[in-house]
């Protein structure tokens, strides 16, 4: 019974990590599209959507940006790359633990 509850909690955590992967990828792609002036800046709905995705991504990216400043590694912000590596690693660890529990 306890193993099922732990595995259920870990699966919810895995889905949260998967969601954050999609949010970070969307944030990066949207920032590229804004930089390339592909997106229309008069569309209010689009800018509110971009702002929401940016706020969600910054919740997890800001601590990484504080630890690894952009000027230290390169002129680019590599924090999304490091976060995606961490999330993929944790997803693999969670999958292994869930397989052993069930």
C-alpha atoms as a PDB file:
ATOM      1  CA  UNK A   1       0.000   0.000   0.000  1.00  0.00           C
ATOM      2  CA  UNK A   2       2.797   2.421   0.896  1.00  0.00           C
ATOM      3  CA  UNK A   3       4.684   1.576  -2.291  1.00  0.00           C
ATOM      4  CA  UNK A   4       1.616   2.466  -4.378  1.00  0.00           C
ATOM      5  CA  UNK A   5       1.230   5.814  -2.616  1.00  0.00           C
ATOM      6  CA  UNK A   6       4.917   6.636  -3.051  1.00  0.00           C
ATOM      7  CA  UNK A   7       4.839   5.666  -6.714  1.00  0.00           C
ATOM      8  CA  UNK A   8       1.687   7.765  -7.234  1.00  0.00           C
ATOM      9  CA  UNK A   9       3.392  10.770  -5.660  1.00  0.00           C
ATOM     10  CA  UNK A  10       6.491  10.221  -7.803  1.00  0.00           C
ATOM     11  CA  UNK A  11       4.371   9.992 -10.951  1.00  0.00           C
ATOM     12  CA  UNK A  12       2.682  13.310 -10.115  1.00  0.00           C
ATOM     13  CA  UNK A  13       6.149  14.785  -9.596  1.00  0.00           C
ATOM     14  CA  UNK A  14       7.247  13.338 -12.943  1.00  0.00           C
ATOM     15  CA  UNK A  15       4.257  14.941 -14.689  1.00  0.00           C
ATOM     16  CA  UNK A  16       5.109  18.275 -13.041  1.00  0.00           C
ATOM     17  CA  UNK A  17       8.680  17.956 -14.340  1.00  0.00           C
ATOM     18  CA  UNK A  18       7.359  17.098 -17.820  1.00  0.00           C
ATOM     19  CA  UNK A  19       5.121  20.177 -17.706  1.00  0.00           C
ATOM     20  CA  UNK A  20       8.090  22.351 -16.747  1.00  0.00           C
ATOM     21  CA  UNK A  21      10.088  20.964 -19.674  1.00  0.00           C
ATOM     22  CA  UNK A  22       7.336  22.097 -22.057  1.00  0.00           C
ATOM     23  CA  UNK A  23       7.078  25.501 -20.355  1.00  0.00           C
ATOM     24  CA  UNK A  24      10.835  26.122 -20.609  1.00  0.00           C
ATOM     25  CA  UNK A  25      10.941  25.047 -24.264  1.00  0.00           C
ATOM     26  CA  UNK A  26       7.961  27.287 -25.048  1.00  0.00           C
ATOM     27  CA  UNK A  27       9.623  30.194 -23.238  1.00  0.00           C
ATOM     28  CA  UNK A  28      12.844  29.783 -25.206  1.00  0.00           C
ATOM     29  CA  UNK A  29      11.089  29.451 -28.570  1.00  0.00           C
ATOM     30  CA  UNK A  30       8.827  32.427 -27.872  1.00  0.00           C
ATOM     31  CA  UNK A  31      11.795  34.562 -26.848  1.00  0.00           C
ATOM     32  CA  UNK A  32      13.480  33.691 -30.156  1.00  0.00           C
ATOM     33  CA  UNK A  33      10.319  34.598 -32.067  1.00  0.00           C
ATOM     34  CA  UNK A  34      10.082  37.914 -30.217  1.00  0.00           C
ATOM     35  CA  UNK A  35      13.736  38.658 -30.948  1.00  0.00           C
ATOM     36  CA  UNK A  36      13.239  37.836 -34.641  1.00  0.00           C
ATOM     37  CA  UNK A  37      10.118  40.075 -34.704  1.00  0.00           C
ATOM     38  CA  UNK A  38       7.973  37.241 -35.993  1.00  0.00           C
ATOM     39  CA  UNK A  39       5.253  37.768 -33.406  1.00  0.00           C
ATOM     40  CA  UNK A  40       2.851  40.691 -33.654  1.00  0.00           C
ATOM     41  CA  UNK A  41       3.332  42.974 -30.659  1.00  0.00           C
ATOM     42  CA  UNK A  42      -0.177  44.461 -30.973  1.00  0.00           C
ATOM     43  CA  UNK A  43      -1.929  41.201 -30.069  1.00  0.00           C
ATOM     44  CA  UNK A  44      -2.878  41.601 -26.388  1.00  0.00           C
ATOM     45  CA  UNK A  45      -3.842  37.926 -25.887  1.00  0.00           C
ATOM     46  CA  UNK A  46      -0.512  36.762 -27.276  1.00  0.00           C
ATOM     47  CA  UNK A  47       1.457  39.059 -24.964  1.00  0.00           C
ATOM     48  CA  UNK A  48      -0.517  37.966 -21.904  1.00  0.00           C
ATOM     49  CA  UNK A  49       0.147  34.318 -22.859  1.00  0.00           C
ATOM     50  CA  UNK A  50       3.864  35.019 -23.332  1.00  0.00           C
ATOM     51  CA  UNK A  51       3.971  36.856 -20.008  1.00  0.00           C
ATOM     52  CA  UNK A  52       2.361  33.905 -18.206  1.00  0.00           C
ATOM     53  CA  UNK A  53       4.740  31.394 -19.738  1.00  0.00           C
ATOM     54  CA  UNK A  54       7.685  33.657 -18.938  1.00  0.00           C
ATOM     55  CA  UNK A  55       6.619  33.970 -15.280  1.00  0.00           C
ATOM     56  CA  UNK A  56       6.216  30.195 -14.959  1.00  0.00           C
ATOM     57  CA  UNK A  57       9.619  29.572 -16.504  1.00  0.00           C
ATOM     58  CA  UNK A  58      11.330  32.240 -14.407  1.00  0.00           C
ATOM     59  CA  UNK A  59      10.152  30.563 -11.189  1.00  0.00           C
ATOM     60  CA  UNK A  60      12.584  27.714 -11.828  1.00  0.00           C
ATOM     61  CA  UNK A  61      15.130  29.537 -13.994  1.00  0.00           C
ATOM     62  CA  UNK A  62      15.949  32.396 -11.604  1.00  0.00           C
ATOM     63  CA  UNK A  63      17.737  30.227  -9.004  1.00  0.00           C
ATOM     64  CA  UNK A  64      19.871  28.714 -11.769  1.00  0.00           C
ATOM     65  CA  UNK A  65      20.640  32.174 -13.168  1.00  0.00           C
ATOM     66  CA  UNK A  66      21.823  33.274  -9.720  1.00  0.00           C
ATOM     67  CA  UNK A  67      24.217  30.306  -9.479  1.00  0.00           C
ATOM     68  CA  UNK A  68      25.492  30.475 -13.064  1.00  0.00           C
ATOM     69  CA  UNK A  69      25.641  34.052 -14.379  1.00  0.00           C
ATOM     70  CA  UNK A  70      25.388  34.423 -18.150  1.00  0.00           C
ATOM     71  CA  UNK A  71      28.685  36.298 -18.384  1.00  0.00           C
ATOM     72  CA  UNK A  72      30.529  33.399 -16.719  1.00  0.00           C
ATOM     73  CA  UNK A  73      29.709  30.760 -19.324  1.00  0.00           C
ATOM     74  CA  UNK A  74      29.001  32.705 -22.487  1.00  0.00           C
ATOM     75  CA  UNK A  75      27.117  35.790 -23.629  1.00  0.00           C
ATOM     76  CA  UNK A  76      24.018  33.612 -23.951  1.00  0.00           C
ATOM     77  CA  UNK A  77      21.721  32.555 -21.139  1.00  0.00           C
ATOM     78  CA  UNK A  78      22.315  28.816 -20.758  1.00  0.00           C
ATOM     79  CA  UNK A  79      20.094  28.359 -17.704  1.00  0.00           C
ATOM     80  CA  UNK A  80      17.255  26.739 -19.744  1.00  0.00           C
ATOM     81  CA  UNK A  81      19.737  24.166 -21.042  1.00  0.00           C
ATOM     82  CA  UNK A  82      20.957  23.312 -17.531  1.00  0.00           C
ATOM     83  CA  UNK A  83      17.381  23.156 -16.233  1.00  0.00           C
ATOM     84  CA  UNK A  84      16.314  20.817 -19.031  1.00  0.00           C
ATOM     85  CA  UNK A  85      19.273  18.548 -18.263  1.00  0.00           C
ATOM     86  CA  UNK A  86      18.276  18.458 -14.583  1.00  0.00           C
ATOM     87  CA  UNK A  87      14.620  17.765 -15.348  1.00  0.00           C
ATOM     88  CA  UNK A  88      15.460  14.933 -17.744  1.00  0.00           C
ATOM     89  CA  UNK A  89      17.844  13.447 -15.179  1.00  0.00           C
ATOM     90  CA  UNK A  90      15.214  13.598 -12.422  1.00  0.00           C
ATOM     91  CA  UNK A  91      12.621  12.047 -14.739  1.00  0.00           C
ATOM     92  CA  UNK A  92      14.945   9.093 -15.378  1.00  0.00           C
ATOM     93  CA  UNK A  93      15.597   8.701 -11.657  1.00  0.00           C
ATOM     94  CA  UNK A  94      11.875   8.797 -10.883  1.00  0.00           C
ATOM     95  CA  UNK A  95      11.137   6.228 -13.604  1.00  0.00           C
ATOM     96  CA  UNK A  96      13.764   3.892 -12.131  1.00  0.00           C
ATOM     97  CA  UNK A  97      12.407   4.259  -8.589  1.00  0.00           C
ATOM     98  CA  UNK A  98       8.811   3.680  -9.710  1.00  0.00           C
ATOM     99  CA  UNK A  99       9.840   0.545 -11.639  1.00  0.00           C
ATOM    100  CA  UNK A 100      11.563  -0.854  -8.556  1.00  0.00           C
ATOM    101  CA  UNK A 101       8.582  -0.053  -6.303  1.00  0.00           C
ATOM    102  CA  UNK A 102       6.007  -1.720  -8.556  1.00  0.00           C
END
